[in-house]
Structures are given as structure tokens and as C-alpha cells.
Amino acid sequence: MPQALERADGGWAWVVLLASMMTQGLTLGFPTCIGIFFTELQHEFQASNSETSWFPSILTAMLHAGGLGMCFSFQSTITVLGFYFIRRQAMANALASVGVSLGITLWPLLARYLLEDLGWRGTFLVFGGVFLHCCVCGAILRPVATSVPPETREGPPPPSKTPVPSCLAACGRAVQRHLAFDILWHNAGYRVFTLGVAWMILGFPLPHVFLVPYAMRHGVDEHKAALLISIIGFSNIFLRPMAGLVAGRQDFASHRKYLFSLAVLLNGLTNLVCVASADFRVLVGYCLVYSVSMSGVGALFFQVLMDVVPMDRFSRALGLCTILESISILISPPLAGFLLDTTNNNFSYVFYMSSFFLISAALFMGGSFCALQKKEKQGRQAEAEAATVEAAPQRALTVEGTDGSEKQPSTEIMYVTSV
């Protein structure tokens, strides 16, 4: 076992980590620059805020729920990290999420530069070429080397005489095999995490979409507005590894769920800063404070999921979790855009909305995890008491030996006589 651990946490594992870091930067980091194109697309198509918001919401929803493109890229690299890293799993997840920070830093700057010279259509063509680098990262991934001999495969079974199952039954079995509905039903920790994250996502992506148009509406220069997103990404480059170091300590291994809930809570409270002022210096301070909580959410998200779900079921659990996320992502930006249209472009309500969903999700997850831990502790105490009660009759039937050195069981004999 120690040799397997050494093989898993070293050597090619670091190359896989680099590929995962780059893939996450290309895929998960990309949606954060969509706010750069929000005003341009709105003017191009003469669309309202709610209509324009469908563009980032559909893009990000398909990123999490499709079986296509970026979804295949980032989910495979995240899953394979759990097999390549065992001792340093928390740190590996945090370092891989640094790629998201790099993407958040570079994508807005590149988008602003290309938008001025090529327009939004030409910019998207260049982005398509950049995304082809995911193919290189995918070629680096390979199965984990083990010393276990491969299983021998038997020949195909004889054809069954039972009738061919219907298409509906086959689809049902496929869904059951690839999605974790059984885990969602039986695993209370996974149920709390998944539902809490789905509720959290209703507010989490809103600052990435609306921060740039919010700043531009209040007189901030276009380049400075795009720089705000890059500040968040640049800060996360340093903060996410620090969050990974904290999460990887043995002292915090059993408290990662609460650290994640705390990070979500701080993220929601931070968004209220934007309501107070739209001055550029205030927004820079907001971005720095926001980066602290965002780094905690990003560094702990996949690690907490690995903690509540066995690793052999992680890919299924991640798939169902991201699908539920995609539903929230699809709803959130258009809902915020509709809120803008009905309030005459008052962005304060958008940040109020974001804070509400984040704070309520944090309180739900933190309280539920605490209740589950208390229930589990009470169950262990009840089992220990039951074991003590079962062992009591056996101890009562033991007597000391003649020499007093050890105890031996004695048998009671009862004689019954008749009168």
C-alpha cells in the first residue's frame, strides 16, 4: 500500500495536475469574461437585459450539464485527480483550481483587447482556436499504473431468450448507471451538499456577469471595468493554494464542510459592498475581499465532494451535481436581467439577490452538516451502549479462579426435586 501511495502522488501525477490546471483555466475560467461582451451584444441586437442574459446563462449551463465540449474537458480532469493524488488530494485540488484563477485573470484582458480590434465575432473565432489546447491536455491523461494484474475477460455470454428491453427501460438503466440518484437518496451528506450548492449557484455567478456593466454604467472606463475581473483572478492565484494548504491539514480534515459553508457565507456578505458604492476604488477593495471568499469556495468545492462520496462513485456524483448546478445557472442570469429591466437598471437589486441566495445556502449547509454530525455521533454512542449491554451478562457469569489470578466462566446448575 505505501508503494501504491508513492506511485499515485508522484511522477506523472504532477503532469496530470498541470493538464488539469490548464483545462480548468480554459473552461471554468472562460465564463467570467462574458460580462465584457454584455453591453456589446445588447447594442448589437437591441436586446433587453433579460434577453441578453440568456447568452451567459446558456453557455455556463451547458458547460456544467452537456456532454459536449468544455463539459467533457473539465469533468474528466477533475475526476482523474482523485485517482492520481491520495495523500495530497486537497492540495492537488487547490492547485488545479489555480488554473481557474489564471483564466479569470487573462480571459477578460484578452477579450477586451480582441474586442476592440476584431469585434465580438472575430473574438469568438480566436477563442475557438484557443480552446483546441484542451486536446493537448486530454492527451496527457492516462490510467493510473497499478501492480494489480488485469482481470481476465470471458467470452460473450450466450444470447438470452428474454425479449429485448424497450428504449425507455434502456434509457432508465443508463441514467441509473451514470447519474448518482441512488447516492442522492441514501447519502444524506451528498444530498445536503448538492441541494445547497444548487441553491448557492443561483447567486454565485451574478457578480461575474454584471460587475463590468455595473461599473461602466456608473462612469468607470471600459478598460478599468475589465480590470476588476482580472483583479479577482490574480488574487485567487495566490489565495487558492493557501486555502488548499489549510484544507489539507489533518486538523481541518473533518471540518472542510464547515469551512466551505463559511466561505459561501462570506461570499454573500461581501456582495453587499457593491450596494454601498460604485466608486472604482471601492470596487477594487470589493474585488480583493471577494477573492478571499471565492478562493475558499473554489479550493474546497471538489474536495468536500470527495469527502462525502466514495472515490469509486465520484464521477457519477460530480455529474449529477453539475447537472443540478446547470439548472440554477440557466435560471440565475435571466432572472437578474428581468430584475434589472423592471427596476430601471438598478444593479443594487442584483447584488441583493446574489447575497440572499449565498447567505441562505451557507446557513442551510452549515446547519445541516452540524445536525448530521450530531446524529451520527448519537448513533455511535447508542451502538456502544448496546454493545456494553450485550457484554454485561457474560461478565456477570465470570468468577475468579481458585488462585485469584484470572477469571473463568462458571455454569450454574439447578436441581429440581419433587415432594
Protein backbone atom coordinates (compact mmCIF):
# COMPACT_ATOMS: atom_id res chain seq x y z
CA MET A 1 0.00 0.00 0.00
CA PRO A 2 2.74 2.61 0.75
CA GLN A 3 4.27 1.88 -2.68
CA ALA A 4 0.90 2.49 -4.31
CA LEU A 5 0.55 5.79 -2.44
CA GLU A 6 4.00 6.90 -3.52
CA ARG A 7 3.28 5.98 -7.10
CA ALA A 8 -0.06 7.80 -7.06
CA ASP A 9 1.22 11.06 -5.52
CA GLY A 10 4.38 11.48 -7.55
CA GLY A 11 5.85 11.19 -11.03
CA TRP A 12 3.26 11.52 -13.77
CA ALA A 13 0.67 12.78 -11.28
CA TRP A 14 2.21 16.25 -11.43
CA VAL A 15 1.94 16.30 -15.23
CA VAL A 16 -1.73 15.37 -14.90
CA LEU A 17 -2.11 18.18 -12.35
CA LEU A 18 -0.62 20.65 -14.84
CA ALA A 19 -3.02 19.44 -17.54
CA SER A 20 -5.95 19.79 -15.13
CA MET A 21 -4.83 23.29 -14.18
CA MET A 22 -4.68 24.39 -17.82
CA THR A 23 -8.01 22.75 -18.69
CA GLN A 24 -9.81 24.43 -15.82
CA GLY A 25 -8.34 27.77 -16.85
CA LEU A 26 -9.62 27.31 -20.40
CA THR A 27 -13.08 26.03 -19.46
CA LEU A 28 -14.19 27.14 -16.00
CA GLY A 29 -12.29 30.42 -16.24
CA PHE A 30 -13.86 31.43 -19.57
CA PRO A 31 -17.42 32.32 -18.44
CA THR A 32 -16.07 35.06 -16.17
CA CYS A 33 -15.17 37.21 -19.19
CA ILE A 34 -18.68 37.10 -20.65
CA GLY A 35 -19.54 40.33 -18.87
CA ILE A 36 -17.11 42.07 -21.26
CA PHE A 37 -19.45 41.31 -24.16
CA PHE A 38 -22.71 42.08 -22.34
CA THR A 39 -23.07 45.72 -23.42
CA GLU A 40 -21.73 45.00 -26.93
CA LEU A 41 -24.25 42.22 -27.54
CA GLN A 42 -27.06 44.30 -26.07
CA HIS A 43 -26.37 47.14 -28.53
CA GLU A 44 -25.77 44.78 -31.45
CA PHE A 45 -29.11 43.00 -31.16
CA GLN A 46 -31.10 45.79 -29.46
CA ALA A 47 -31.97 43.36 -26.67
CA SER A 48 -33.12 43.90 -23.11
CA ASN A 49 -31.12 42.89 -20.06
CA SER A 50 -33.12 39.71 -19.54
CA GLU A 51 -32.78 38.71 -23.20
CA THR A 52 -29.03 39.34 -23.26
CA SER A 53 -28.59 37.42 -20.01
CA TRP A 54 -29.63 34.21 -21.73
CA PHE A 55 -26.30 34.17 -23.57
CA PRO A 56 -24.04 33.70 -20.50
CA SER A 57 -26.60 31.53 -18.73
CA ILE A 58 -26.95 29.02 -21.59
CA LEU A 59 -23.17 28.94 -22.11
CA THR A 60 -22.39 28.24 -18.45
CA ALA A 61 -25.31 25.82 -18.05
CA MET A 62 -24.12 23.71 -20.99
CA LEU A 63 -20.60 23.83 -19.55
CA HIS A 64 -21.90 22.03 -16.47
CA ALA A 65 -24.67 19.82 -17.88
CA GLY A 66 -23.87 19.00 -21.55
CA GLY A 67 -21.96 16.01 -22.76
CA LEU A 68 -20.14 18.24 -25.15
CA GLY A 69 -17.01 20.32 -25.45
CA MET A 70 -15.87 22.06 -22.30
CA CYS A 71 -18.01 19.82 -20.05
CA PHE A 72 -16.11 16.69 -21.13
CA SER A 73 -12.81 18.51 -20.69
CA PHE A 74 -13.06 19.81 -17.14
CA GLN A 75 -15.03 16.90 -15.61
CA SER A 76 -12.53 14.30 -16.80
CA THR A 77 -9.51 16.18 -15.44
CA ILE A 78 -11.17 16.76 -12.06
CA THR A 79 -12.15 13.10 -11.75
CA VAL A 80 -8.72 11.75 -12.65
CA LEU A 81 -7.05 13.90 -9.98
CA GLY A 82 -8.80 11.86 -7.30
CA PHE A 83 -7.03 8.74 -8.56
CA TYR A 84 -3.58 10.27 -9.03
CA PHE A 85 -3.44 12.01 -5.64
CA ILE A 86 -4.26 10.40 -2.29
CA ARG A 87 -2.15 11.94 0.48
CA ARG A 88 -2.02 15.36 -1.20
CA GLN A 89 -5.55 15.31 -2.60
CA ALA A 90 -6.70 18.57 -1.01
CA MET A 91 -3.59 20.38 -2.14
CA ALA A 92 -3.89 18.96 -5.68
CA ASN A 93 -7.48 20.18 -5.99
CA ALA A 94 -6.48 23.63 -4.78
CA LEU A 95 -3.55 23.85 -7.21
CA ALA A 96 -5.73 22.67 -10.08
CA SER A 97 -8.25 25.39 -9.27
CA VAL A 98 -5.43 27.93 -9.64
CA GLY A 99 -5.96 27.37 -13.36
CA VAL A 100 -9.40 28.92 -12.94
CA SER A 101 -7.73 31.94 -11.33
CA LEU A 102 -5.33 32.26 -14.25
CA GLY A 103 -8.26 32.07 -16.62
CA ILE A 104 -10.17 34.71 -14.69
CA THR A 105 -7.08 36.94 -14.86
CA LEU A 106 -6.24 36.51 -18.54
CA TRP A 107 -9.59 35.97 -20.29
CA PRO A 108 -11.01 39.48 -19.60
CA LEU A 109 -7.79 41.20 -20.69
CA LEU A 110 -7.63 39.12 -23.89
CA ALA A 111 -11.33 39.65 -24.54
CA ARG A 112 -11.08 43.44 -24.13
CA TYR A 113 -8.04 43.60 -26.44
CA LEU A 114 -9.55 41.42 -29.18
CA LEU A 115 -12.97 43.08 -28.94
CA GLU A 116 -11.51 46.45 -29.90
CA ASP A 117 -9.67 45.10 -32.97
CA LEU A 118 -11.82 42.20 -34.21
CA GLY A 119 -15.28 42.78 -32.79
CA TRP A 120 -17.18 40.13 -30.87
CA ARG A 121 -17.49 37.77 -33.86
CA GLY A 122 -13.77 37.75 -34.61
CA THR A 123 -13.00 37.43 -30.90
CA PHE A 124 -15.10 34.28 -30.63
CA LEU A 125 -13.26 32.76 -33.61
CA VAL A 126 -9.95 33.32 -31.84
CA PHE A 127 -11.38 31.83 -28.66
CA GLY A 128 -12.31 28.69 -30.60
CA GLY A 129 -8.67 28.23 -31.60
CA VAL A 130 -7.53 28.75 -28.01
CA PHE A 131 -9.90 26.05 -26.78
CA LEU A 132 -8.23 23.49 -29.05
CA HIS A 133 -5.44 23.31 -26.47
CA CYS A 134 -7.81 21.17 -24.38
CA CYS A 135 -7.00 18.36 -26.83
CA VAL A 136 -3.35 18.52 -25.79
CA CYS A 137 -4.30 18.35 -22.12
CA GLY A 138 -6.57 15.40 -22.80
CA ALA A 139 -3.75 13.51 -24.50
CA ILE A 140 -1.68 13.75 -21.31
CA LEU A 141 -4.25 11.89 -19.20
CA ARG A 142 -3.69 8.15 -18.90
CA PRO A 143 -4.82 5.40 -16.50
CA VAL A 144 -3.11 5.18 -13.11
CA ALA A 145 -0.41 2.48 -13.09
CA THR A 146 -1.08 -0.29 -10.57
CA SER A 147 0.56 -3.57 -9.67
CA VAL A 148 -2.75 -5.45 -9.76
CA PRO A 149 -2.85 -7.87 -12.70
CA PRO A 150 -5.57 -7.17 -15.24
CA GLU A 151 -8.73 -9.13 -14.97
CA THR A 152 -9.29 -11.93 -17.45
CA ARG A 153 -12.26 -11.35 -19.64
CA GLU A 154 -14.51 -14.20 -20.51
CA GLY A 155 -16.18 -14.61 -23.83
CA PRO A 156 -19.52 -13.01 -24.55
CA PRO A 157 -22.45 -14.67 -22.79
CA PRO A 158 -24.85 -16.74 -24.86
CA PRO A 159 -27.74 -14.80 -26.30
CA SER A 160 -30.66 -14.56 -23.96
CA LYS A 161 -34.10 -15.69 -24.95
CA THR A 162 -35.73 -12.89 -23.00
CA PRO A 163 -37.33 -10.15 -25.08
CA VAL A 164 -35.28 -7.07 -25.98
CA PRO A 165 -35.88 -4.31 -23.40
CA SER A 166 -37.70 -1.23 -24.51
CA CYS A 167 -35.90 2.00 -25.31
CA LEU A 168 -37.39 3.64 -22.21
CA ALA A 169 -36.06 0.88 -19.94
CA ALA A 170 -32.62 1.08 -21.55
CA CYS A 171 -32.54 4.85 -21.03
CA GLY A 172 -33.59 4.37 -17.43
CA ARG A 173 -30.74 1.93 -16.79
CA ALA A 174 -28.27 4.27 -18.48
CA VAL A 175 -29.37 7.17 -16.28
CA GLN A 176 -29.13 4.98 -13.18
CA ARG A 177 -25.65 3.81 -14.17
CA HIS A 178 -24.16 7.23 -14.97
CA LEU A 179 -26.01 9.53 -12.56
CA ALA A 180 -25.95 9.29 -8.78
CA PHE A 181 -29.64 9.31 -7.93
CA ASP A 182 -29.11 6.32 -5.63
CA ILE A 183 -26.35 8.23 -3.81
CA LEU A 184 -28.60 11.28 -3.60
CA TRP A 185 -31.28 9.14 -1.98
CA HIS A 186 -29.14 7.20 0.51
CA ASN A 187 -26.24 9.59 1.28
CA ALA A 188 -27.50 12.44 3.45
CA GLY A 189 -24.21 14.36 3.28
CA TYR A 190 -24.23 14.31 -0.52
CA ARG A 191 -27.87 15.36 -0.53
CA VAL A 192 -27.16 18.37 1.67
CA PHE A 193 -24.11 19.38 -0.37
CA THR A 194 -25.82 19.02 -3.75
CA LEU A 195 -29.00 20.87 -2.81
CA GLY A 196 -27.03 23.58 -1.02
CA VAL A 197 -24.73 24.11 -3.99
CA ALA A 198 -27.66 24.20 -6.43
CA TRP A 199 -29.26 26.93 -4.31
CA MET A 200 -25.93 28.76 -3.93
CA ILE A 201 -25.36 28.85 -7.69
CA LEU A 202 -28.47 30.98 -8.10
CA GLY A 203 -26.40 33.85 -6.70
CA PHE A 204 -22.75 32.90 -7.15
CA PRO A 205 -22.22 33.72 -10.90
CA LEU A 206 -24.04 37.06 -10.86
CA PRO A 207 -21.04 39.30 -9.95
CA HIS A 208 -19.00 37.77 -12.79
CA VAL A 209 -21.73 38.64 -15.29
CA PHE A 210 -22.90 42.03 -14.03
CA LEU A 211 -19.88 43.60 -12.31
CA VAL A 212 -18.41 45.02 -15.53
CA PRO A 213 -21.68 46.55 -16.89
CA TYR A 214 -22.43 47.82 -13.38
CA ALA A 215 -19.11 49.65 -13.22
CA MET A 216 -19.45 51.02 -16.77
CA ARG A 217 -22.96 52.31 -16.04
CA HIS A 218 -21.56 54.34 -13.14
CA GLY A 219 -18.87 56.00 -15.25
CA VAL A 220 -15.93 53.61 -14.89
CA ASP A 221 -13.75 53.33 -18.01
CA GLU A 222 -14.16 50.13 -20.07
CA HIS A 223 -10.56 49.03 -19.51
CA LYS A 224 -10.78 49.68 -15.78
CA ALA A 225 -14.06 47.79 -15.61
CA ALA A 226 -12.48 44.77 -17.32
CA LEU A 227 -9.55 45.06 -14.93
CA LEU A 228 -11.87 44.39 -11.98
CA ILE A 229 -12.42 40.78 -13.07
CA SER A 230 -8.68 40.35 -13.64
CA ILE A 231 -8.00 41.58 -10.09
CA ILE A 232 -10.25 38.83 -8.76
CA GLY A 233 -8.42 36.22 -10.82
CA PHE A 234 -4.93 37.48 -9.98
CA SER A 235 -5.69 37.46 -6.26
CA ASN A 236 -7.02 33.91 -6.48
CA ILE A 237 -3.71 32.72 -7.94
CA PHE A 238 -2.13 33.17 -4.52
CA LEU A 239 -5.15 32.66 -2.30
CA ARG A 240 -6.30 29.28 -3.63
CA PRO A 241 -3.03 27.43 -2.82
CA MET A 242 -3.17 28.92 0.67
CA ALA A 243 -6.75 27.67 1.03
CA GLY A 244 -5.55 24.26 -0.16
CA LEU A 245 -2.78 24.19 2.43
CA VAL A 246 -5.28 24.95 5.18
CA ALA A 247 -7.77 22.37 3.92
CA GLY A 248 -5.05 19.75 3.58
CA ARG A 249 -4.04 19.88 7.25
CA GLN A 250 -5.16 16.94 9.33
CA ASP A 251 -6.59 19.34 11.91
CA PHE A 252 -9.15 20.59 9.37
CA ALA A 253 -9.86 17.29 7.61
CA SER A 254 -13.14 16.78 9.44
CA HIS A 255 -14.11 20.46 9.24
CA ARG A 256 -13.82 21.09 5.49
CA LYS A 257 -17.61 21.09 5.12
CA TYR A 258 -17.88 23.92 7.63
CA LEU A 259 -15.02 25.86 6.04
CA PHE A 260 -16.81 25.60 2.70
CA SER A 261 -20.06 26.87 4.25
CA LEU A 262 -18.17 29.73 5.90
CA ALA A 263 -16.58 30.69 2.56
CA VAL A 264 -20.02 30.77 0.91
CA LEU A 265 -21.37 32.92 3.75
CA LEU A 266 -18.52 35.44 3.42
CA ASN A 267 -19.01 35.50 -0.34
CA GLY A 268 -22.63 36.52 0.12
CA LEU A 269 -21.84 39.18 2.71
CA THR A 270 -19.09 40.65 0.51
CA ASN A 271 -21.50 41.33 -2.36
CA LEU A 272 -23.27 43.88 -0.20
CA VAL A 273 -20.22 46.16 -0.60
CA CYS A 274 -21.25 46.90 -4.20
CA VAL A 275 -24.59 48.19 -2.95
CA ALA A 276 -22.85 50.82 -0.85
CA SER A 277 -20.81 52.48 -3.60
CA ALA A 278 -19.83 52.17 -7.28
CA ASP A 279 -16.60 54.16 -6.98
CA PHE A 280 -13.68 52.42 -8.70
CA ARG A 281 -11.53 52.33 -5.56
CA VAL A 282 -14.39 50.81 -3.58
CA LEU A 283 -14.90 48.23 -6.31
CA VAL A 284 -11.19 47.34 -6.24
CA GLY A 285 -11.45 46.77 -2.49
CA TYR A 286 -14.57 44.69 -3.09
CA CYS A 287 -12.71 42.53 -5.62
CA LEU A 288 -9.86 41.89 -3.16
CA VAL A 289 -12.20 40.89 -0.32
CA TYR A 290 -14.40 38.91 -2.70
CA SER A 291 -11.32 36.97 -3.84
CA VAL A 292 -10.71 35.66 -0.33
CA SER A 293 -14.13 34.02 -0.07
CA MET A 294 -14.12 32.92 -3.71
CA SER A 295 -10.76 31.17 -3.26
CA GLY A 296 -12.20 29.20 -0.35
CA VAL A 297 -15.23 28.15 -2.40
CA GLY A 298 -13.11 27.17 -5.40
CA ALA A 299 -10.44 25.30 -3.44
CA LEU A 300 -12.86 23.34 -1.26
CA PHE A 301 -15.71 22.56 -3.65
CA PHE A 302 -14.38 19.36 -5.21
CA GLN A 303 -12.55 18.31 -2.05
CA VAL A 304 -15.74 18.42 0.03
CA LEU A 305 -17.49 16.36 -2.63
CA MET A 306 -14.68 13.79 -2.43
CA ASP A 307 -15.09 13.72 1.35
CA VAL A 308 -18.83 12.98 1.32
CA VAL A 309 -18.80 10.48 -1.58
CA PRO A 310 -16.58 7.38 -2.05
CA MET A 311 -13.99 7.85 -4.79
CA ASP A 312 -15.33 4.98 -6.90
CA ARG A 313 -18.64 6.88 -7.16
CA PHE A 314 -17.17 10.35 -7.51
CA SER A 315 -17.62 10.70 -11.28
CA ARG A 316 -21.33 9.86 -11.03
CA ALA A 317 -21.79 12.17 -8.05
CA LEU A 318 -19.99 15.00 -9.85
CA GLY A 319 -22.15 14.50 -12.94
CA LEU A 320 -25.44 14.79 -11.06
CA CYS A 321 -24.16 17.73 -9.02
CA THR A 322 -23.12 19.70 -12.12
CA ILE A 323 -26.42 18.94 -13.85
CA LEU A 324 -28.34 20.40 -10.91
CA GLU A 325 -25.94 23.34 -10.95
CA SER A 326 -26.66 23.92 -14.63
CA ILE A 327 -30.38 24.31 -13.92
CA SER A 328 -29.58 27.06 -11.41
CA ILE A 329 -27.10 28.69 -13.77
CA LEU A 330 -29.66 28.68 -16.57
CA ILE A 331 -32.20 30.48 -14.38
CA SER A 332 -30.00 32.91 -12.47
CA PRO A 333 -28.71 35.50 -15.03
CA PRO A 334 -32.04 35.86 -16.90
CA LEU A 335 -33.80 36.29 -13.56
CA ALA A 336 -31.31 39.02 -12.64
CA GLY A 337 -31.74 40.60 -16.08
CA PHE A 338 -35.50 40.65 -15.65
CA LEU A 339 -34.94 42.29 -12.26
CA LEU A 340 -32.85 44.99 -13.96
CA ASP A 341 -35.50 45.64 -16.59
CA THR A 342 -38.26 46.01 -14.02
CA THR A 343 -36.21 48.30 -11.74
CA ASN A 344 -34.87 50.64 -14.45
CA ASN A 345 -31.33 49.16 -14.42
CA ASN A 346 -30.85 49.38 -10.68
CA PHE A 347 -27.94 46.98 -10.16
CA SER A 348 -28.27 47.09 -6.38
CA TYR A 349 -31.11 44.58 -6.56
CA VAL A 350 -28.87 42.15 -8.47
CA PHE A 351 -26.29 42.16 -5.69
CA TYR A 352 -29.05 41.88 -3.06
CA MET A 353 -30.32 38.83 -4.94
CA SER A 354 -26.85 37.30 -5.07
CA SER A 355 -26.29 37.84 -1.35
CA PHE A 356 -29.66 36.33 -0.44
CA PHE A 357 -29.03 33.04 -2.22
CA LEU A 358 -25.44 32.73 -1.00
CA ILE A 359 -26.16 33.51 2.65
CA SER A 360 -29.22 31.25 2.84
CA ALA A 361 -27.32 28.40 1.15
CA ALA A 362 -24.43 28.76 3.60
CA LEU A 363 -26.73 28.68 6.61
CA PHE A 364 -28.56 25.63 5.21
CA MET A 365 -25.37 23.65 4.55
CA GLY A 366 -23.66 24.59 7.80
CA GLY A 367 -26.71 23.80 9.94
CA SER A 368 -27.47 20.55 8.09
CA PHE A 369 -23.89 19.29 8.31
CA CYS A 370 -23.87 20.07 12.03
CA ALA A 371 -27.15 18.19 12.55
CA LEU A 372 -25.91 15.19 10.55
CA GLN A 373 -22.67 15.07 12.57
CA LYS A 374 -24.61 15.23 15.83
CA LYS A 375 -26.96 12.46 14.66
CA GLU A 376 -24.02 10.30 13.62
CA LYS A 377 -22.35 10.83 16.98
CA GLN A 378 -25.52 9.86 18.82
CA GLY A 379 -25.77 6.73 16.67
CA ARG A 380 -22.23 5.70 17.57
CA GLN A 381 -22.96 6.24 21.26
CA ALA A 382 -26.13 4.14 21.01
CA GLU A 383 -24.18 1.33 19.34
CA ALA A 384 -21.52 1.47 22.03
CA GLU A 385 -24.16 1.32 24.79
CA ALA A 386 -25.88 -1.61 23.08
CA ALA A 387 -22.58 -3.47 22.86
CA THR A 388 -21.98 -2.81 26.57
CA VAL A 389 -25.41 -4.14 27.50
CA GLU A 390 -24.85 -7.30 25.43
CA ALA A 391 -21.50 -7.92 27.10
CA ALA A 392 -22.87 -7.43 30.66
CA PRO A 393 -24.47 -10.93 31.13
CA GLN A 394 -21.24 -12.61 30.06
CA ARG A 395 -19.27 -10.62 32.59
CA ALA A 396 -21.80 -11.45 35.30
CA LEU A 397 -21.24 -15.18 34.82
CA THR A 398 -17.47 -14.97 35.38
CA VAL A 399 -15.89 -15.81 38.73
CA GLU A 400 -12.35 -15.69 39.97
CA GLY A 401 -10.25 -18.84 39.87
CA THR A 402 -9.00 -20.62 42.98
CA ASP A 403 -5.67 -18.82 42.79
CA GLY A 404 -7.33 -15.46 42.11
CA SER A 405 -5.10 -14.91 39.06
CA GLU A 406 -7.71 -14.93 36.31
CA LYS A 407 -11.42 -15.07 35.82
CA GLN A 408 -13.14 -18.14 34.40
CA PRO A 409 -16.71 -18.64 33.35
CA SER A 410 -18.85 -20.72 35.72
CA THR A 411 -22.01 -22.61 34.96
CA GLU A 412 -24.99 -22.50 37.31
CA ILE A 413 -26.69 -25.89 37.91
CA MET A 414 -30.20 -26.03 39.34
CA TYR A 415 -31.60 -29.27 40.79
CA VAL A 416 -35.36 -29.66 40.96
CA THR A 417 -36.85 -32.24 43.35
CA SER A 418 -40.42 -33.33 43.73
CA VAL A 419 -42.19 -33.78 47.03
